[in-house]
Structure formats: structure tokens, C-alpha cells
N, C-alpha and C. Protein backbone atom coordinates (compact mmCIF):
# COMPACT_ATOMS: atom_id res chain seq x y z
N MET A 1 0.94 -1.33 -0.02
CA MET A 1 -0.10 0.13 0.13
C MET A 1 0.90 1.07 -0.26
N ALA A 2 0.88 2.28 -0.80
CA ALA A 2 1.35 3.61 -0.82
C ALA A 2 1.34 4.43 0.23
N ALA A 3 2.53 5.26 0.52
CA ALA A 3 1.91 5.78 1.59
C ALA A 3 1.31 7.50 1.10
N THR A 4 0.28 7.82 1.63
CA THR A 4 -0.28 9.10 1.11
C THR A 4 0.65 10.40 1.86
N PRO A 5 0.69 11.48 0.93
CA PRO A 5 1.83 12.93 1.09
C PRO A 5 0.66 12.85 2.70
N LYS A 6 2.03 13.45 3.62
CA LYS A 6 1.70 13.86 4.37
C LYS A 6 1.12 15.46 4.63
N LYS A 7 0.26 15.61 4.99
CA LYS A 7 -0.63 17.17 4.44
C LYS A 7 0.01 18.20 5.47
N LYS A 8 0.67 19.43 5.37
CA LYS A 8 1.34 20.44 5.74
C LYS A 8 0.44 21.01 6.84
N SER A 9 0.89 21.22 8.02
CA SER A 9 0.56 21.80 9.46
C SER A 9 -0.12 23.54 8.97
N PRO A 10 -1.54 23.53 8.80
CA PRO A 10 -1.49 24.93 8.80
C PRO A 10 -0.29 25.96 9.09
N ARG A 11 -0.47 27.24 8.44
CA ARG A 11 0.47 28.73 8.67
C ARG A 11 -0.18 29.08 9.34
N THR A 12 0.70 29.56 10.43
CA THR A 12 0.30 31.34 11.96
C THR A 12 -0.31 32.10 10.89
N PRO A 13 -1.12 33.23 11.58
CA PRO A 13 -1.09 34.01 10.80
C PRO A 13 0.06 34.79 10.52
N GLN A 14 0.92 34.78 11.46
CA GLN A 14 2.45 35.77 11.60
C GLN A 14 3.09 35.08 10.05
N GLN A 15 3.39 33.81 9.76
CA GLN A 15 3.46 33.19 8.64
C GLN A 15 3.04 33.76 7.81
N ARG A 16 1.87 33.56 7.54
CA ARG A 16 1.31 34.25 6.14
C ARG A 16 1.27 35.67 6.15
N MET A 17 1.41 36.26 6.93
CA MET A 17 1.71 37.70 6.35
C MET A 17 3.39 38.20 6.63
N ALA A 18 4.26 36.84 7.19
CA ALA A 18 5.47 37.41 6.44
C ALA A 18 5.48 36.61 5.09
N ALA A 19 5.33 35.75 4.74
CA ALA A 19 5.22 35.60 3.12
C ALA A 19 4.47 36.50 1.95
N ARG A 20 3.22 37.00 2.63
CA ARG A 20 2.41 38.45 1.76
C ARG A 20 3.89 39.51 1.61
N ARG A 21 4.43 39.31 2.60
CA ARG A 21 5.46 40.68 2.93
C ARG A 21 6.83 40.35 1.91
N LYS A 22 7.10 39.34 1.61
CA LYS A 22 8.61 38.76 1.40
C LYS A 22 7.59 38.91 -0.82
N ARG A 23 6.23 38.46 -0.48
CA ARG A 23 6.04 39.00 -2.45
C ARG A 23 5.80 40.14 -2.34
N LEU A 24 5.26 41.07 -1.37
CA LEU A 24 5.48 42.69 -1.91
C LEU A 24 6.84 43.37 -2.20
N ARG A 25 7.51 43.07 -0.99
CA ARG A 25 8.83 43.03 -1.77
C ARG A 25 9.57 42.80 -2.62
N ALA A 26 9.15 41.58 -3.17
CA ALA A 26 9.91 40.77 -4.51
C ALA A 26 9.36 41.93 -5.80
N GLN A 27 7.98 42.26 -5.36
CA GLN A 27 7.31 43.27 -6.58
C GLN A 27 7.99 44.92 -6.68
N GLY A 28 8.97 44.90 -5.36
CA GLY A 28 9.48 46.35 -5.22
C GLY A 28 8.50 47.16 -4.51
N LEU A 29 8.18 46.72 -3.98
CA LEU A 29 7.12 47.75 -2.76
C LEU A 29 7.73 47.68 -1.31
N ARG A 30 7.66 48.81 -0.50
CA ARG A 30 8.14 48.68 1.06
C ARG A 30 7.35 48.97 2.41
N PRO A 31 7.03 48.64 2.72
CA PRO A 31 5.85 49.10 3.90
C PRO A 31 6.22 50.57 4.64
N VAL A 32 5.06 51.05 4.61
CA VAL A 32 5.52 52.20 5.30
C VAL A 32 4.09 52.51 6.30
N GLN A 33 4.06 53.14 7.39
CA GLN A 33 3.51 53.21 8.03
C GLN A 33 3.08 54.66 8.55
N HIS A 34 1.46 55.05 8.04
CA HIS A 34 0.99 56.51 8.22
C HIS A 34 0.63 56.92 9.45
N TRP A 35 0.72 57.88 10.64
CA TRP A 35 -0.01 58.34 11.15
C TRP A 35 -0.67 59.44 11.11
N VAL A 36 -2.14 59.35 11.24
CA VAL A 36 -3.16 60.91 10.83
C VAL A 36 -3.57 61.04 12.34
N PRO A 37 -4.26 62.18 12.26
CA PRO A 37 -4.99 62.67 13.19
C PRO A 37 -6.04 62.15 13.55
N ASP A 38 -6.95 61.52 15.13
CA ASP A 38 -7.89 60.43 14.97
C ASP A 38 -9.03 61.91 15.15
N LEU A 39 -9.55 61.31 14.36
CA LEU A 39 -10.65 62.51 13.95
C LEU A 39 -11.81 62.07 15.44
N ARG A 40 -12.06 60.86 15.74
CA ARG A 40 -12.64 60.41 16.58
C ARG A 40 -13.03 61.20 17.74
N ASP A 41 -11.36 61.55 18.13
CA ASP A 41 -10.84 61.71 19.53
C ASP A 41 -11.16 63.25 20.30
N PRO A 42 -12.28 63.26 20.67
CA PRO A 42 -13.22 64.69 21.34
C PRO A 42 -11.72 65.97 21.05
N LYS A 43 -10.49 65.28 22.32
CA LYS A 43 -9.27 66.72 22.18
C LYS A 43 -8.78 66.94 21.02
N VAL A 44 -8.88 66.04 20.23
CA VAL A 44 -8.44 66.52 18.87
C VAL A 44 -8.97 67.21 17.77
N LEU A 45 -9.93 67.14 18.21
CA LEU A 45 -11.18 68.04 17.20
C LEU A 45 -10.91 69.04 17.90
N ALA A 46 -11.23 69.14 18.92
CA ALA A 46 -10.71 70.65 20.03
C ALA A 46 -10.23 71.37 19.53
N GLU A 47 -8.93 70.90 19.26
CA GLU A 47 -7.45 71.36 19.03
C GLU A 47 -7.29 71.86 17.68
N ILE A 48 -8.15 70.70 16.07
CA ILE A 48 -8.05 71.90 15.19
C ILE A 48 -8.89 72.79 15.51
N ARG A 49 -10.06 72.67 15.65
CA ARG A 49 -11.11 73.80 15.84
C ARG A 49 -10.57 75.52 16.26
N ARG A 50 -9.22 74.93 17.43
CA ARG A 50 -8.76 76.12 18.13
C ARG A 50 -7.88 76.87 16.86
N GLU A 51 -7.21 75.63 16.46
CA GLU A 51 -6.20 76.25 15.78
C GLU A 51 -6.96 76.74 14.40
N ALA A 52 -7.85 76.44 13.48
CA ALA A 52 -8.82 77.02 13.06
C ALA A 52 -9.16 78.65 12.96
N ALA A 53 -9.75 78.58 14.60
CA ALA A 53 -10.12 79.78 14.97
C ALA A 53 -9.12 80.74 15.00
N MET A 54 -7.42 80.50 15.11
CA MET A 54 -6.68 81.57 15.46
C MET A 54 -6.31 81.84 14.10
N LEU A 55 -6.22 80.82 12.95
CA LEU A 55 -5.89 81.18 11.75
C LEU A 55 -7.29 82.08 11.05
N SER A 56 -8.20 81.99 11.43
CA SER A 56 -9.04 82.77 10.83
C SER A 56 -9.19 84.19 11.07
N LYS A 57 -8.17 84.30 12.42
CA LYS A 57 -8.31 85.78 12.92
C LYS A 57 -6.83 86.69 12.70
N HIS A 58 -6.47 85.91 11.77
CA HIS A 58 -4.54 86.09 11.16
C HIS A 58 -4.99 87.18 10.44
N PRO A 59 -5.11 88.40 10.13
CA PRO A 59 -4.79 90.03 9.48
C PRO A 59 -4.86 89.78 8.36
N GLU A 60 -3.78 89.08 7.88
CA GLU A 60 -3.52 88.39 6.20
C GLU A 60 -4.78 87.32 5.61
N ASP A 61 -5.43 87.07 6.45
CA ASP A 61 -6.62 86.03 6.09
C ASP A 61 -6.74 86.01 4.66
N ALA A 62 -7.61 87.39 5.12
CA ALA A 62 -8.60 87.36 3.19
C ALA A 62 -7.61 87.77 2.21
N ALA A 63 -6.64 88.02 2.29
CA ALA A 63 -5.04 87.85 1.53
C ALA A 63 -4.87 87.10 0.84
N ILE A 64 -4.85 85.97 1.87
CA ILE A 64 -4.55 84.49 1.39
C ILE A 64 -5.47 83.69 1.04
N ASP A 65 -6.58 83.60 1.36
CA ASP A 65 -7.72 83.14 0.61
C ASP A 65 -8.13 83.73 -0.67
N ASP A 66 -7.68 84.96 -1.19
CA ASP A 66 -7.82 85.53 -2.39
C ASP A 66 -6.68 84.80 -3.34
N TRP A 67 -5.74 84.81 -2.75
CA TRP A 67 -4.29 83.64 -3.35
C TRP A 67 -4.37 82.38 -3.72
N LEU A 68 -5.47 81.98 -2.74
CA LEU A 68 -5.55 80.32 -2.92
C LEU A 68 -6.62 80.26 -4.05
N ASP A 69 -7.23 81.00 -4.08
CA ASP A 69 -8.75 81.16 -5.19
C ASP A 69 -7.74 81.42 -6.61
N LYS A 70 -6.80 82.21 -6.37
CA LYS A 70 -6.39 82.02 -7.88
C LYS A 70 -5.54 81.13 -8.65
N VAL A 71 -4.84 80.36 -7.33
CA VAL A 71 -3.63 79.57 -8.04
C VAL A 71 -4.11 78.36 -8.08
N ARG A 72 -5.19 77.95 -7.57
CA ARG A 72 -5.53 76.55 -7.47
C ARG A 72 -6.15 76.40 -8.66
N ASP A 73 -6.45 74.59 -8.95
CA ASP A 73 -7.48 74.06 -9.93
C ASP A 73 -8.11 73.21 -9.17
N PRO A 74 -9.37 73.38 -9.18
CA PRO A 74 -10.11 72.50 -8.40
C PRO A 74 -10.28 71.25 -9.22
N ASP A 75 -10.59 71.71 -10.77
CA ASP A 75 -10.54 70.63 -11.88
C ASP A 75 -9.52 69.74 -12.03
N ASP A 76 -7.87 69.98 -11.58
CA ASP A 76 -6.79 69.21 -11.23
C ASP A 76 -6.57 67.79 -10.13
N TRP A 77 -7.94 68.24 -9.13
CA TRP A 77 -7.98 67.28 -8.09
C TRP A 77 -8.36 66.02 -8.26
N SER A 78 -7.85 65.35 -7.81
CA SER A 78 -8.27 63.72 -7.91
C SER A 78 -8.32 63.34 -7.07
């Protein structure tokens, strides 16, 4: 009687992720981590509002807004 091939044991999540990272690196990619403000945090929202209020009181606010309206091209946004 012929022996059946032994099944490989299931890979752990860490092994699967390591294999995925290896495939991605082979494609010329590299991992990058981005940290962004957590807009669910009330403290972060309060700080953003505080900074926006300060910016709106800047003496050159209207001139800056006018310049931005002249140089921006919303059709070029993607």
C-alpha cells in the first residue's frame, strides 16, 4: 500500500503575513506606516477647531484666501 503524502500543518497568521510581505518586497514595494489625526477623539477635534479659529483671525487671512482662489485648480484634483 502506497503512503499518502503528509499534509502540511496550517500556517500561523504571522507566517502568512511574512510570506505576503516577502511577495510584496519581491514586487519592489516596501511597507510604510502613516500616522494621521484621530478625528474620533474629542481632544483632537477641539485642537483642530482652536487652530482654525486662530488662523481665521490672522490679519492677512483674506489676502491668503484670495491668493489660494487664484492659484488653485479644483479641476486638477483627483
